[in-house]
Amino acid sequence: MTGFGWCVHDSLAEGPGRVLGRGHFGTSSKEFFVRRYIDLRETVGLIIDQHPAIEAVGVESPPFGEQWSEGLYGLFVMVNEAIYTRRKDVVFFDPTTLKMLVKEDPKARKGKLFKQDMVDAARLDTGIKGTFNHNEADAYHLARFAARFWLFFRGSVGTEDLTPSEHHGFARVHTYKRGAKAGETERLGAVFKEGQRFLRYSLIPRETP
């Protein structure tokens, strides 16, 4: 509510050219809470409108992870309204999954990623050496991996092109070898969870007057 980062990512570019725009904004705790949500929603919508090249969006989604709260869920709904009304597709990454994707290896569980680690990773990936607010860094990684998800979903990127973490997050399947579920396969990757982990708002017809 006080530090909302955003970033527009170009998956076809290299280095600093990947970032078409970035920034952060927020609201004051002294402001009436409903007004704060409205202001945040309108700012998200304005950013999308100002960047017509945006094809899809990535959003952090605490409501689908363990870090749930009424306040964050309210913000999540308002952000999705701004995306829905503009009919942009969206994929959701909870904070833990986002950090796993940044690590690129789901087995690398040692060493928790902190705010500065996320900033350093964004600088390394983009080649941007100047100021990188930690909210903007998180937003960059969301945009970066949202682009990778949609490229994979649409077939522009193959399974063999995914990093281990991307494969774990996007395409993971698990087949039980023992116990009552032996032989059963669970599809755990985000690509199998339309309606939960990603939504194609672009397929929803716009209302006619």
N, C-alpha and C. Protein backbone atom coordinates (compact mmCIF):
# COMPACT_ATOMS: atom_id res chain seq x y z
N MET A 1 0.82 -1.21 0.00
CA MET A 1 0.00 0.00 0.00
C MET A 1 0.85 1.26 0.00
N THR A 2 2.04 1.17 0.54
CA THR A 2 2.93 2.34 0.58
C THR A 2 4.09 2.24 -0.41
N GLY A 3 4.33 1.04 -0.94
CA GLY A 3 5.43 0.87 -1.89
C GLY A 3 5.06 -0.16 -2.94
N PHE A 4 4.44 0.28 -4.02
CA PHE A 4 3.95 -0.61 -5.08
C PHE A 4 4.87 -0.45 -6.28
N GLY A 5 5.66 -1.48 -6.60
CA GLY A 5 6.58 -1.40 -7.72
C GLY A 5 5.95 -1.88 -9.01
N TRP A 6 6.42 -1.32 -10.12
CA TRP A 6 5.94 -1.77 -11.43
C TRP A 6 7.09 -1.75 -12.43
N CYS A 7 6.99 -2.55 -13.46
CA CYS A 7 8.01 -2.61 -14.49
C CYS A 7 7.40 -3.15 -15.77
N VAL A 8 7.80 -2.60 -16.90
CA VAL A 8 7.38 -3.09 -18.21
C VAL A 8 8.60 -3.74 -18.86
N HIS A 9 8.48 -5.02 -19.20
CA HIS A 9 9.60 -5.83 -19.66
C HIS A 9 9.42 -6.23 -21.13
N ASP A 10 10.50 -6.11 -21.89
CA ASP A 10 10.50 -6.53 -23.30
C ASP A 10 11.31 -7.81 -23.41
N SER A 11 10.65 -8.94 -23.63
CA SER A 11 11.33 -10.23 -23.64
C SER A 11 12.21 -10.42 -24.87
N LEU A 12 12.07 -9.56 -25.88
CA LEU A 12 12.86 -9.70 -27.10
C LEU A 12 14.14 -8.87 -27.06
N ALA A 13 14.28 -8.02 -26.05
CA ALA A 13 15.44 -7.13 -25.95
C ALA A 13 16.51 -7.74 -25.07
N GLU A 14 17.67 -7.10 -25.05
CA GLU A 14 18.79 -7.53 -24.22
C GLU A 14 19.24 -6.37 -23.33
N GLY A 15 19.86 -6.71 -22.19
CA GLY A 15 20.43 -5.70 -21.31
C GLY A 15 19.42 -4.68 -20.85
N PRO A 16 19.84 -3.42 -20.71
CA PRO A 16 18.95 -2.36 -20.23
C PRO A 16 17.72 -2.18 -21.11
N GLY A 17 17.83 -2.60 -22.38
CA GLY A 17 16.70 -2.48 -23.29
C GLY A 17 15.51 -3.33 -22.90
N ARG A 18 15.74 -4.28 -21.99
CA ARG A 18 14.63 -5.11 -21.51
C ARG A 18 13.59 -4.27 -20.78
N VAL A 19 14.03 -3.20 -20.13
CA VAL A 19 13.15 -2.39 -19.28
C VAL A 19 12.60 -1.21 -20.08
N LEU A 20 11.33 -1.27 -20.42
CA LEU A 20 10.69 -0.19 -21.16
C LEU A 20 10.16 0.90 -20.23
N GLY A 21 10.06 0.57 -18.96
CA GLY A 21 9.60 1.55 -17.97
C GLY A 21 9.56 0.89 -16.62
N ARG A 22 9.79 1.65 -15.57
CA ARG A 22 9.72 1.12 -14.21
C ARG A 22 9.51 2.26 -13.24
N GLY A 23 9.04 1.93 -12.05
CA GLY A 23 8.84 2.95 -11.05
C GLY A 23 8.13 2.35 -9.84
N HIS A 24 7.79 3.19 -8.90
CA HIS A 24 7.04 2.75 -7.73
C HIS A 24 6.18 3.91 -7.23
N PHE A 25 5.10 3.57 -6.60
CA PHE A 25 4.18 4.57 -6.07
C PHE A 25 3.54 4.00 -4.81
N GLY A 26 2.77 4.79 -4.14
CA GLY A 26 2.12 4.32 -2.92
C GLY A 26 1.05 5.27 -2.47
N THR A 27 0.46 4.95 -1.33
CA THR A 27 -0.57 5.79 -0.74
C THR A 27 -0.23 6.04 0.72
N SER A 28 -0.80 7.08 1.28
CA SER A 28 -0.54 7.45 2.68
C SER A 28 -1.49 6.71 3.61
N SER A 29 -0.95 6.25 4.72
CA SER A 29 -1.78 5.57 5.72
C SER A 29 -2.80 6.53 6.34
N LYS A 30 -2.62 7.82 6.14
CA LYS A 30 -3.55 8.81 6.67
C LYS A 30 -4.77 8.96 5.77
N GLU A 31 -4.68 8.42 4.56
CA GLU A 31 -5.77 8.52 3.61
C GLU A 31 -6.84 7.50 3.93
N PHE A 32 -8.10 7.80 3.64
CA PHE A 32 -9.20 6.87 3.88
C PHE A 32 -8.94 5.59 3.10
N PHE A 33 -9.13 4.44 3.75
CA PHE A 33 -8.64 3.18 3.18
C PHE A 33 -9.27 2.86 1.83
N VAL A 34 -10.55 3.18 1.63
CA VAL A 34 -11.18 2.90 0.34
C VAL A 34 -10.53 3.74 -0.76
N ARG A 35 -10.23 5.00 -0.44
CA ARG A 35 -9.59 5.88 -1.40
C ARG A 35 -8.21 5.37 -1.78
N ARG A 36 -7.51 4.76 -0.83
CA ARG A 36 -6.18 4.21 -1.11
C ARG A 36 -6.27 3.11 -2.17
N TYR A 37 -7.24 2.21 -2.01
CA TYR A 37 -7.40 1.12 -2.97
C TYR A 37 -7.78 1.67 -4.35
N ILE A 38 -8.66 2.64 -4.37
CA ILE A 38 -9.08 3.23 -5.65
C ILE A 38 -7.89 3.90 -6.34
N ASP A 39 -7.09 4.64 -5.58
CA ASP A 39 -5.94 5.32 -6.17
C ASP A 39 -4.94 4.33 -6.74
N LEU A 40 -4.70 3.23 -6.03
CA LEU A 40 -3.76 2.22 -6.51
C LEU A 40 -4.28 1.54 -7.78
N ARG A 41 -5.56 1.22 -7.79
CA ARG A 41 -6.16 0.60 -8.98
C ARG A 41 -6.06 1.53 -10.18
N GLU A 42 -6.38 2.80 -9.98
CA GLU A 42 -6.36 3.76 -11.09
C GLU A 42 -4.95 3.98 -11.62
N THR A 43 -3.96 3.95 -10.71
CA THR A 43 -2.57 4.13 -11.16
C THR A 43 -2.10 2.93 -11.97
N VAL A 44 -2.46 1.72 -11.54
CA VAL A 44 -2.12 0.53 -12.32
C VAL A 44 -2.74 0.61 -13.71
N GLY A 45 -3.99 1.00 -13.78
CA GLY A 45 -4.66 1.14 -15.06
C GLY A 45 -4.00 2.18 -15.95
N LEU A 46 -3.58 3.28 -15.35
CA LEU A 46 -2.92 4.35 -16.11
C LEU A 46 -1.60 3.87 -16.70
N ILE A 47 -0.84 3.09 -15.93
CA ILE A 47 0.43 2.56 -16.42
C ILE A 47 0.20 1.64 -17.61
N ILE A 48 -0.81 0.79 -17.53
CA ILE A 48 -1.12 -0.10 -18.65
C ILE A 48 -1.51 0.72 -19.87
N ASP A 49 -2.32 1.75 -19.66
CA ASP A 49 -2.76 2.59 -20.78
C ASP A 49 -1.60 3.33 -21.44
N GLN A 50 -0.61 3.69 -20.64
CA GLN A 50 0.53 4.45 -21.16
C GLN A 50 1.53 3.58 -21.91
N HIS A 51 1.38 2.25 -21.80
CA HIS A 51 2.29 1.32 -22.47
C HIS A 51 1.48 0.34 -23.30
N PRO A 52 1.01 0.78 -24.47
CA PRO A 52 0.15 -0.08 -25.30
C PRO A 52 0.82 -1.37 -25.77
N ALA A 53 2.15 -1.45 -25.67
CA ALA A 53 2.84 -2.68 -26.09
C ALA A 53 2.63 -3.83 -25.11
N ILE A 54 2.10 -3.55 -23.93
CA ILE A 54 1.90 -4.60 -22.93
C ILE A 54 0.91 -5.64 -23.45
N GLU A 55 1.34 -6.90 -23.46
CA GLU A 55 0.48 -8.00 -23.91
C GLU A 55 -0.10 -8.79 -22.75
N ALA A 56 0.66 -8.90 -21.68
CA ALA A 56 0.22 -9.68 -20.52
C ALA A 56 0.91 -9.13 -19.28
N VAL A 57 0.41 -9.55 -18.12
CA VAL A 57 0.86 -8.97 -16.86
C VAL A 57 1.20 -10.09 -15.86
N GLY A 58 2.16 -9.83 -15.00
CA GLY A 58 2.46 -10.71 -13.87
C GLY A 58 2.16 -9.97 -12.58
N VAL A 59 1.55 -10.65 -11.63
CA VAL A 59 1.15 -10.02 -10.36
C VAL A 59 1.57 -10.91 -9.19
N GLU A 60 2.08 -10.29 -8.14
CA GLU A 60 2.38 -11.04 -6.92
C GLU A 60 1.07 -11.37 -6.22
N SER A 61 0.94 -12.58 -5.74
CA SER A 61 -0.36 -13.05 -5.24
C SER A 61 -0.29 -13.71 -3.87
N PRO A 62 -0.09 -12.95 -2.81
CA PRO A 62 -0.13 -13.54 -1.48
C PRO A 62 -1.42 -14.29 -1.17
N PRO A 63 -2.59 -13.90 -1.74
CA PRO A 63 -3.81 -14.66 -1.42
C PRO A 63 -3.73 -16.14 -1.75
N PHE A 64 -2.88 -16.53 -2.72
CA PHE A 64 -2.79 -17.92 -3.12
C PHE A 64 -1.67 -18.66 -2.39
N GLY A 65 -0.94 -17.94 -1.55
CA GLY A 65 0.13 -18.58 -0.79
C GLY A 65 -0.19 -18.56 0.69
N GLU A 66 0.82 -18.67 1.50
CA GLU A 66 0.60 -18.72 2.94
C GLU A 66 0.50 -17.33 3.56
N GLN A 67 1.00 -16.30 2.84
CA GLN A 67 1.00 -14.96 3.39
C GLN A 67 -0.28 -14.23 3.00
N TRP A 68 -1.41 -14.69 3.54
CA TRP A 68 -2.71 -14.15 3.19
C TRP A 68 -3.13 -13.11 4.22
N SER A 69 -3.79 -12.07 3.77
CA SER A 69 -4.40 -11.10 4.68
C SER A 69 -5.53 -10.42 3.95
N GLU A 70 -6.49 -9.90 4.69
CA GLU A 70 -7.63 -9.23 4.07
C GLU A 70 -7.17 -8.01 3.28
N GLY A 71 -6.20 -7.28 3.83
CA GLY A 71 -5.72 -6.08 3.16
C GLY A 71 -5.07 -6.37 1.83
N LEU A 72 -4.21 -7.37 1.80
CA LEU A 72 -3.53 -7.73 0.56
C LEU A 72 -4.51 -8.32 -0.45
N TYR A 73 -5.49 -9.06 0.02
CA TYR A 73 -6.47 -9.61 -0.89
C TYR A 73 -7.29 -8.48 -1.55
N GLY A 74 -7.63 -7.47 -0.75
CA GLY A 74 -8.35 -6.32 -1.30
C GLY A 74 -7.55 -5.64 -2.39
N LEU A 75 -6.25 -5.46 -2.16
CA LEU A 75 -5.39 -4.84 -3.16
C LEU A 75 -5.30 -5.73 -4.40
N PHE A 76 -5.18 -7.03 -4.18
CA PHE A 76 -5.10 -7.99 -5.27
C PHE A 76 -6.33 -7.90 -6.18
N VAL A 77 -7.50 -7.81 -5.58
CA VAL A 77 -8.74 -7.72 -6.35
C VAL A 77 -8.78 -6.43 -7.16
N MET A 78 -8.38 -5.32 -6.55
CA MET A 78 -8.42 -4.03 -7.25
C MET A 78 -7.44 -4.00 -8.42
N VAL A 79 -6.25 -4.58 -8.22
CA VAL A 79 -5.27 -4.64 -9.30
C VAL A 79 -5.81 -5.50 -10.44
N ASN A 80 -6.45 -6.61 -10.10
CA ASN A 80 -7.02 -7.46 -11.14
C ASN A 80 -8.16 -6.79 -11.88
N GLU A 81 -8.89 -5.92 -11.20
CA GLU A 81 -9.94 -5.19 -11.90
C GLU A 81 -9.34 -4.30 -12.98
N ALA A 82 -8.24 -3.63 -12.65
CA ALA A 82 -7.58 -2.76 -13.63
C ALA A 82 -7.09 -3.57 -14.84
N ILE A 83 -6.61 -4.79 -14.58
CA ILE A 83 -6.11 -5.65 -15.66
C ILE A 83 -7.27 -6.22 -16.46
N TYR A 84 -8.30 -6.65 -15.75
CA TYR A 84 -9.48 -7.24 -16.40
C TYR A 84 -10.18 -6.25 -17.33
N THR A 85 -10.38 -5.03 -16.88
CA THR A 85 -11.11 -4.06 -17.69
C THR A 85 -10.34 -3.71 -18.97
N ARG A 86 -9.04 -3.98 -18.97
CA ARG A 86 -8.22 -3.74 -20.17
C ARG A 86 -7.95 -5.03 -20.94
N ARG A 87 -8.51 -6.13 -20.46
CA ARG A 87 -8.45 -7.43 -21.10
C ARG A 87 -7.01 -7.89 -21.38
N LYS A 88 -6.15 -7.73 -20.37
CA LYS A 88 -4.79 -8.26 -20.46
C LYS A 88 -4.74 -9.58 -19.72
N ASP A 89 -4.07 -10.57 -20.28
CA ASP A 89 -3.88 -11.84 -19.59
C ASP A 89 -2.96 -11.64 -18.40
N VAL A 90 -3.11 -12.49 -17.37
CA VAL A 90 -2.31 -12.31 -16.16
C VAL A 90 -1.91 -13.66 -15.58
N VAL A 91 -0.70 -13.72 -15.03
CA VAL A 91 -0.23 -14.89 -14.31
C VAL A 91 0.18 -14.44 -12.92
N PHE A 92 -0.07 -15.29 -11.92
CA PHE A 92 0.20 -14.96 -10.53
C PHE A 92 1.38 -15.77 -9.99
N PHE A 93 2.31 -15.09 -9.32
CA PHE A 93 3.41 -15.74 -8.63
C PHE A 93 3.39 -15.30 -7.17
N ASP A 94 3.36 -16.26 -6.25
CA ASP A 94 3.47 -15.89 -4.84
C ASP A 94 4.94 -15.57 -4.55
N PRO A 95 5.23 -14.86 -3.45
CA PRO A 95 6.60 -14.42 -3.16
C PRO A 95 7.63 -15.55 -3.13
N THR A 96 7.26 -16.71 -2.59
CA THR A 96 8.19 -17.82 -2.51
C THR A 96 8.55 -18.34 -3.89
N THR A 97 7.55 -18.47 -4.75
CA THR A 97 7.79 -18.93 -6.12
C THR A 97 8.65 -17.94 -6.88
N LEU A 98 8.39 -16.64 -6.69
CA LEU A 98 9.17 -15.63 -7.39
C LEU A 98 10.64 -15.73 -7.03
N LYS A 99 10.94 -15.89 -5.75
CA LYS A 99 12.34 -16.01 -5.31
C LYS A 99 12.97 -17.29 -5.86
N MET A 100 12.20 -18.37 -5.94
CA MET A 100 12.71 -19.61 -6.52
C MET A 100 13.07 -19.40 -7.99
N LEU A 101 12.23 -18.69 -8.72
CA LEU A 101 12.50 -18.43 -10.13
C LEU A 101 13.76 -17.60 -10.31
N VAL A 102 13.96 -16.62 -9.43
CA VAL A 102 15.15 -15.78 -9.51
C VAL A 102 16.40 -16.61 -9.26
N LYS A 103 16.33 -17.58 -8.36
CA LYS A 103 17.48 -18.44 -8.07
C LYS A 103 17.83 -19.35 -9.25
N GLU A 104 16.84 -19.64 -10.09
CA GLU A 104 16.98 -20.47 -11.29
C GLU A 104 17.16 -21.95 -11.02
N ASP A 105 17.29 -22.33 -9.76
CA ASP A 105 17.43 -23.75 -9.42
C ASP A 105 16.57 -24.02 -8.19
N PRO A 106 15.48 -24.78 -8.31
CA PRO A 106 14.59 -25.02 -7.17
C PRO A 106 15.24 -25.78 -6.02
N LYS A 107 16.36 -26.44 -6.29
CA LYS A 107 17.05 -27.20 -5.24
C LYS A 107 17.98 -26.31 -4.42
N ALA A 108 18.21 -25.08 -4.87
CA ALA A 108 19.11 -24.17 -4.16
C ALA A 108 18.35 -23.48 -3.04
N ARG A 109 18.12 -24.20 -1.96
CA ARG A 109 17.31 -23.69 -0.87
C ARG A 109 18.14 -22.97 0.19
N LYS A 110 19.45 -23.14 0.14
CA LYS A 110 20.31 -22.47 1.11
C LYS A 110 20.43 -20.99 0.75
N GLY A 111 20.39 -20.16 1.75
CA GLY A 111 20.57 -18.74 1.51
C GLY A 111 19.29 -18.08 1.06
N LYS A 112 18.54 -17.51 1.98
CA LYS A 112 17.30 -16.83 1.66
C LYS A 112 17.58 -15.55 0.89
N LEU A 113 16.77 -15.25 -0.12
CA LEU A 113 16.94 -14.03 -0.89
C LEU A 113 16.27 -12.86 -0.15
N PHE A 114 17.05 -11.82 0.09
CA PHE A 114 16.53 -10.63 0.74
C PHE A 114 16.32 -9.54 -0.30
N LYS A 115 15.84 -8.38 0.15
CA LYS A 115 15.54 -7.28 -0.77
C LYS A 115 16.75 -6.91 -1.63
N GLN A 116 17.92 -6.81 -1.01
CA GLN A 116 19.10 -6.42 -1.76
C GLN A 116 19.50 -7.49 -2.77
N ASP A 117 19.26 -8.76 -2.42
CA ASP A 117 19.56 -9.84 -3.36
C ASP A 117 18.69 -9.73 -4.61
N MET A 118 17.44 -9.36 -4.42
CA MET A 118 16.53 -9.19 -5.55
C MET A 118 16.96 -8.01 -6.41
N VAL A 119 17.42 -6.95 -5.76
CA VAL A 119 17.92 -5.78 -6.48
C VAL A 119 19.16 -6.15 -7.28
N ASP A 120 20.08 -6.86 -6.63
CA ASP A 120 21.33 -7.26 -7.31
C ASP A 120 21.03 -8.16 -8.51
N ALA A 121 20.07 -9.06 -8.36
CA ALA A 121 19.71 -9.96 -9.47
C ALA A 121 19.10 -9.19 -10.63
N ALA A 122 18.31 -8.17 -10.32
CA ALA A 122 17.71 -7.34 -11.38
C ALA A 122 18.78 -6.54 -12.10
N ARG A 123 19.73 -5.99 -11.36
CA ARG A 123 20.82 -5.25 -11.98
C ARG A 123 21.67 -6.15 -12.87
N LEU A 124 21.94 -7.36 -12.39
CA LEU A 124 22.75 -8.30 -13.15
C LEU A 124 22.05 -8.69 -14.45
N ASP A 125 20.76 -8.93 -14.39
CA ASP A 125 20.03 -9.39 -15.56
C ASP A 125 19.83 -8.28 -16.58
N THR A 126 19.70 -7.03 -16.11
CA THR A 126 19.43 -5.93 -17.03
C THR A 126 20.68 -5.14 -17.42
N GLY A 127 21.72 -5.21 -16.58
CA GLY A 127 22.90 -4.38 -16.81
C GLY A 127 22.72 -2.96 -16.35
N ILE A 128 21.60 -2.68 -15.67
CA ILE A 128 21.35 -1.34 -15.13
C ILE A 128 22.14 -1.18 -13.84
N LYS A 129 23.00 -0.20 -13.78
CA LYS A 129 23.86 -0.03 -12.61
C LYS A 129 23.37 1.06 -11.66
N GLY A 130 22.42 1.85 -12.09
CA GLY A 130 21.93 2.95 -11.27
C GLY A 130 20.98 2.49 -10.18
N THR A 131 20.24 3.44 -9.64
CA THR A 131 19.31 3.17 -8.55
C THR A 131 18.22 2.20 -9.00
N PHE A 132 17.98 1.19 -8.18
CA PHE A 132 16.94 0.21 -8.47
C PHE A 132 16.20 -0.02 -7.16
N ASN A 133 15.08 0.65 -6.96
CA ASN A 133 14.27 0.47 -5.76
C ASN A 133 13.88 -1.00 -5.61
N HIS A 134 13.84 -1.50 -4.37
CA HIS A 134 13.59 -2.93 -4.19
C HIS A 134 12.18 -3.33 -4.65
N ASN A 135 11.22 -2.40 -4.58
CA ASN A 135 9.89 -2.70 -5.11
C ASN A 135 9.93 -2.82 -6.63
N GLU A 136 10.74 -1.99 -7.26
CA GLU A 136 10.90 -2.05 -8.71
C GLU A 136 11.63 -3.34 -9.12
N ALA A 137 12.58 -3.77 -8.30
CA ALA A 137 13.31 -5.00 -8.60
C ALA A 137 12.36 -6.20 -8.56
N ASP A 138 11.51 -6.27 -7.53
CA ASP A 138 10.53 -7.36 -7.47
C ASP A 138 9.62 -7.32 -8.69
N ALA A 139 9.20 -6.10 -9.07
CA ALA A 139 8.31 -5.95 -10.22
C ALA A 139 9.02 -6.38 -11.51
N TYR A 140 10.32 -6.07 -11.61
CA TYR A 140 11.07 -6.50 -12.79
C TYR A 140 11.06 -8.02 -12.91
N HIS A 141 11.32 -8.70 -11.80
CA HIS A 141 11.35 -10.16 -11.84
C HIS A 141 9.97 -10.74 -12.16
N LEU A 142 8.92 -10.11 -11.60
CA LEU A 142 7.57 -10.55 -11.94
C LEU A 142 7.31 -10.43 -13.44
N ALA A 143 7.69 -9.27 -14.00
CA ALA A 143 7.48 -9.04 -15.43
C ALA A 143 8.32 -10.00 -16.27
N ARG A 144 9.56 -10.20 -15.85
CA ARG A 144 10.48 -11.08 -16.58
C ARG A 144 9.95 -12.51 -16.64
N PHE A 145 9.51 -13.04 -15.51
CA PHE A 145 9.06 -14.43 -15.50
C PHE A 145 7.63 -14.58 -15.99
N ALA A 146 6.84 -13.52 -15.91
CA ALA A 146 5.52 -13.55 -16.54
C ALA A 146 5.70 -13.68 -18.05
N ALA A 147 6.66 -12.93 -18.60
CA ALA A 147 6.94 -13.03 -20.04
C ALA A 147 7.37 -14.45 -20.40
N ARG A 148 8.23 -15.04 -19.58
CA ARG A 148 8.69 -16.41 -19.84
C ARG A 148 7.52 -17.39 -19.77
N PHE A 149 6.64 -17.20 -18.79
CA PHE A 149 5.49 -18.08 -18.65
C PHE A 149 4.62 -18.02 -19.90
N TRP A 150 4.31 -16.80 -20.36
CA TRP A 150 3.41 -16.68 -21.50
C TRP A 150 4.06 -17.18 -22.79
N LEU A 151 5.36 -16.98 -22.93
CA LEU A 151 6.07 -17.53 -24.09
C LEU A 151 6.00 -19.06 -24.08
N PHE A 152 6.14 -19.64 -22.89
CA PHE A 152 6.04 -21.10 -22.76
C PHE A 152 4.61 -21.56 -23.02
N PHE A 153 3.64 -20.88 -22.47
CA PHE A 153 2.24 -21.27 -22.63
C PHE A 153 1.83 -21.22 -24.10
N ARG A 154 2.35 -20.24 -24.82
CA ARG A 154 1.97 -20.06 -26.22
C ARG A 154 2.84 -20.86 -27.18
N GLY A 155 3.83 -21.58 -26.65
CA GLY A 155 4.64 -22.46 -27.48
C GLY A 155 5.86 -21.82 -28.11
N SER A 156 6.14 -20.56 -27.77
CA SER A 156 7.33 -19.89 -28.32
C SER A 156 8.60 -20.34 -27.62
N VAL A 157 8.46 -20.88 -26.43
CA VAL A 157 9.58 -21.43 -25.65
C VAL A 157 9.23 -22.87 -25.31
N GLY A 158 10.16 -23.79 -25.56
CA GLY A 158 9.92 -25.19 -25.29
C GLY A 158 10.33 -25.59 -23.88
N THR A 159 9.91 -26.76 -23.47
CA THR A 159 10.27 -27.27 -22.15
C THR A 159 11.77 -27.34 -21.98
N GLU A 160 12.47 -27.69 -23.06
CA GLU A 160 13.93 -27.81 -22.99
C GLU A 160 14.61 -26.46 -22.81
N ASP A 161 13.89 -25.37 -23.04
CA ASP A 161 14.46 -24.03 -22.91
C ASP A 161 14.29 -23.43 -21.52
N LEU A 162 13.52 -24.10 -20.67
CA LEU A 162 13.25 -23.57 -19.34
C LEU A 162 14.41 -23.82 -18.40
N THR A 163 14.64 -22.89 -17.48
CA THR A 163 15.60 -23.13 -16.40
C THR A 163 14.98 -24.17 -15.47
N PRO A 164 15.77 -24.81 -14.61
CA PRO A 164 15.19 -25.78 -13.66
C PRO A 164 14.06 -25.17 -12.82
N SER A 165 14.23 -23.93 -12.38
CA SER A 165 13.19 -23.29 -11.57
C SER A 165 11.94 -23.01 -12.40
N GLU A 166 12.13 -22.58 -13.65
CA GLU A 166 10.97 -22.34 -14.51
C GLU A 166 10.21 -23.63 -14.77
N HIS A 167 10.94 -24.71 -15.00
CA HIS A 167 10.29 -26.01 -15.21
C HIS A 167 9.51 -26.41 -13.97
N HIS A 168 10.10 -26.19 -12.80
CA HIS A 168 9.45 -26.53 -11.54
C HIS A 168 8.19 -25.70 -11.34
N GLY A 169 8.28 -24.40 -11.65
CA GLY A 169 7.15 -23.51 -11.43
C GLY A 169 6.09 -23.57 -12.51
N PHE A 170 6.50 -23.79 -13.75
CA PHE A 170 5.57 -23.74 -14.88
C PHE A 170 5.02 -25.09 -15.28
N ALA A 171 5.86 -26.12 -15.31
CA ALA A 171 5.49 -27.37 -15.98
C ALA A 171 5.63 -28.62 -15.12
N ARG A 172 5.83 -28.49 -13.84
CA ARG A 172 6.12 -29.65 -13.00
C ARG A 172 4.95 -30.64 -12.94
N VAL A 173 5.28 -31.90 -13.06
CA VAL A 173 4.34 -32.99 -12.83
C VAL A 173 4.98 -33.97 -11.86
N HIS A 174 4.15 -34.66 -11.09
CA HIS A 174 4.68 -35.63 -10.13
C HIS A 174 3.85 -36.91 -10.22
N THR A 175 4.55 -38.03 -10.42
CA THR A 175 3.89 -39.33 -10.46
C THR A 175 4.26 -40.12 -9.22
N TYR A 176 3.26 -40.54 -8.47
CA TYR A 176 3.50 -41.30 -7.24
C TYR A 176 3.97 -42.71 -7.59
N LYS A 177 5.01 -43.14 -6.87
CA LYS A 177 5.58 -44.45 -7.12
C LYS A 177 5.23 -45.46 -6.03
N ARG A 178 4.77 -44.95 -4.90
CA ARG A 178 4.44 -45.83 -3.77
C ARG A 178 3.12 -45.39 -3.14
N GLY A 179 2.59 -46.27 -2.30
CA GLY A 179 1.41 -45.94 -1.53
C GLY A 179 0.11 -46.03 -2.32
N ALA A 180 -0.96 -45.54 -1.69
CA ALA A 180 -2.29 -45.65 -2.28
C ALA A 180 -2.42 -44.91 -3.61
N LYS A 181 -1.59 -43.90 -3.83
CA LYS A 181 -1.67 -43.11 -5.06
C LYS A 181 -0.65 -43.57 -6.12
N ALA A 182 -0.03 -44.71 -5.92
CA ALA A 182 0.98 -45.19 -6.86
C ALA A 182 0.41 -45.23 -8.28
N GLY A 183 1.16 -44.61 -9.21
CA GLY A 183 0.73 -44.56 -10.60
C GLY A 183 -0.05 -43.30 -10.96
N GLU A 184 -0.54 -42.59 -9.94
CA GLU A 184 -1.28 -41.36 -10.20
C GLU A 184 -0.31 -40.22 -10.48
N THR A 185 -0.70 -39.33 -11.39
CA THR A 185 0.13 -38.18 -11.75
C THR A 185 -0.58 -36.88 -11.41
N GLU A 186 0.11 -36.02 -10.73
CA GLU A 186 -0.42 -34.69 -10.41
C GLU A 186 0.28 -33.65 -11.28
N ARG A 187 -0.50 -32.78 -11.85
CA ARG A 187 0.04 -31.69 -12.66
C ARG A 187 0.11 -30.45 -11.78
N LEU A 188 1.31 -30.11 -11.35
CA LEU A 188 1.51 -29.09 -10.33
C LEU A 188 1.96 -27.74 -10.89
N GLY A 189 2.47 -27.70 -12.10
CA GLY A 189 2.96 -26.47 -12.67
C GLY A 189 1.85 -25.48 -12.97
N ALA A 190 2.20 -24.20 -13.01
CA ALA A 190 1.22 -23.14 -13.24
C ALA A 190 0.48 -23.29 -14.56
N VAL A 191 1.16 -23.84 -15.58
CA VAL A 191 0.55 -23.95 -16.90
C VAL A 191 -0.68 -24.85 -16.89
N PHE A 192 -0.80 -25.70 -15.87
CA PHE A 192 -1.94 -26.60 -15.76
C PHE A 192 -3.07 -26.01 -14.90
N LYS A 193 -2.90 -24.79 -14.44
CA LYS A 193 -3.83 -24.23 -13.45
C LYS A 193 -4.50 -22.95 -13.93
N GLU A 194 -5.06 -23.01 -15.11
CA GLU A 194 -5.82 -21.86 -15.58
C GLU A 194 -7.03 -21.65 -14.67
N GLY A 195 -7.28 -20.40 -14.32
CA GLY A 195 -8.35 -20.08 -13.39
C GLY A 195 -7.86 -19.97 -11.96
N GLN A 196 -6.66 -20.51 -11.70
CA GLN A 196 -6.05 -20.40 -10.37
C GLN A 196 -4.75 -19.60 -10.41
N ARG A 197 -3.83 -20.05 -11.27
CA ARG A 197 -2.53 -19.39 -11.35
C ARG A 197 -2.41 -18.44 -12.54
N PHE A 198 -3.29 -18.55 -13.50
CA PHE A 198 -3.30 -17.58 -14.59
C PHE A 198 -4.70 -17.47 -15.16
N LEU A 199 -4.99 -16.30 -15.72
CA LEU A 199 -6.30 -16.01 -16.28
C LEU A 199 -6.13 -15.34 -17.63
N ARG A 200 -6.94 -15.77 -18.59
CA ARG A 200 -6.88 -15.15 -19.92
C ARG A 200 -8.06 -14.18 -20.07
N TYR A 201 -7.87 -13.00 -19.52
CA TYR A 201 -8.92 -11.98 -19.61
C TYR A 201 -9.16 -11.58 -21.07
N SER A 202 -8.15 -11.76 -21.92
CA SER A 202 -8.28 -11.36 -23.31
C SER A 202 -9.37 -12.13 -24.04
N LEU A 203 -9.76 -13.30 -23.51
CA LEU A 203 -10.79 -14.12 -24.16
C LEU A 203 -12.20 -13.72 -23.76
N ILE A 204 -12.34 -12.86 -22.78
CA ILE A 204 -13.64 -12.45 -22.29
C ILE A 204 -14.17 -11.28 -23.13
N PRO A 205 -15.30 -11.46 -23.80
CA PRO A 205 -15.82 -10.37 -24.65
C PRO A 205 -16.08 -9.11 -23.83
N ARG A 206 -15.82 -7.98 -24.43
CA ARG A 206 -16.15 -6.73 -23.76
C ARG A 206 -17.66 -6.50 -23.83
N GLU A 207 -18.19 -5.93 -22.76
CA GLU A 207 -19.60 -5.67 -22.69
C GLU A 207 -19.99 -4.63 -23.73
N THR A 208 -21.10 -4.86 -24.41
CA THR A 208 -21.60 -3.89 -25.37
C THR A 208 -22.60 -2.98 -24.68
N PRO A 209 -22.68 -1.71 -25.08
CA PRO A 209 -23.63 -0.78 -24.45
C PRO A 209 -25.06 -1.27 -24.56
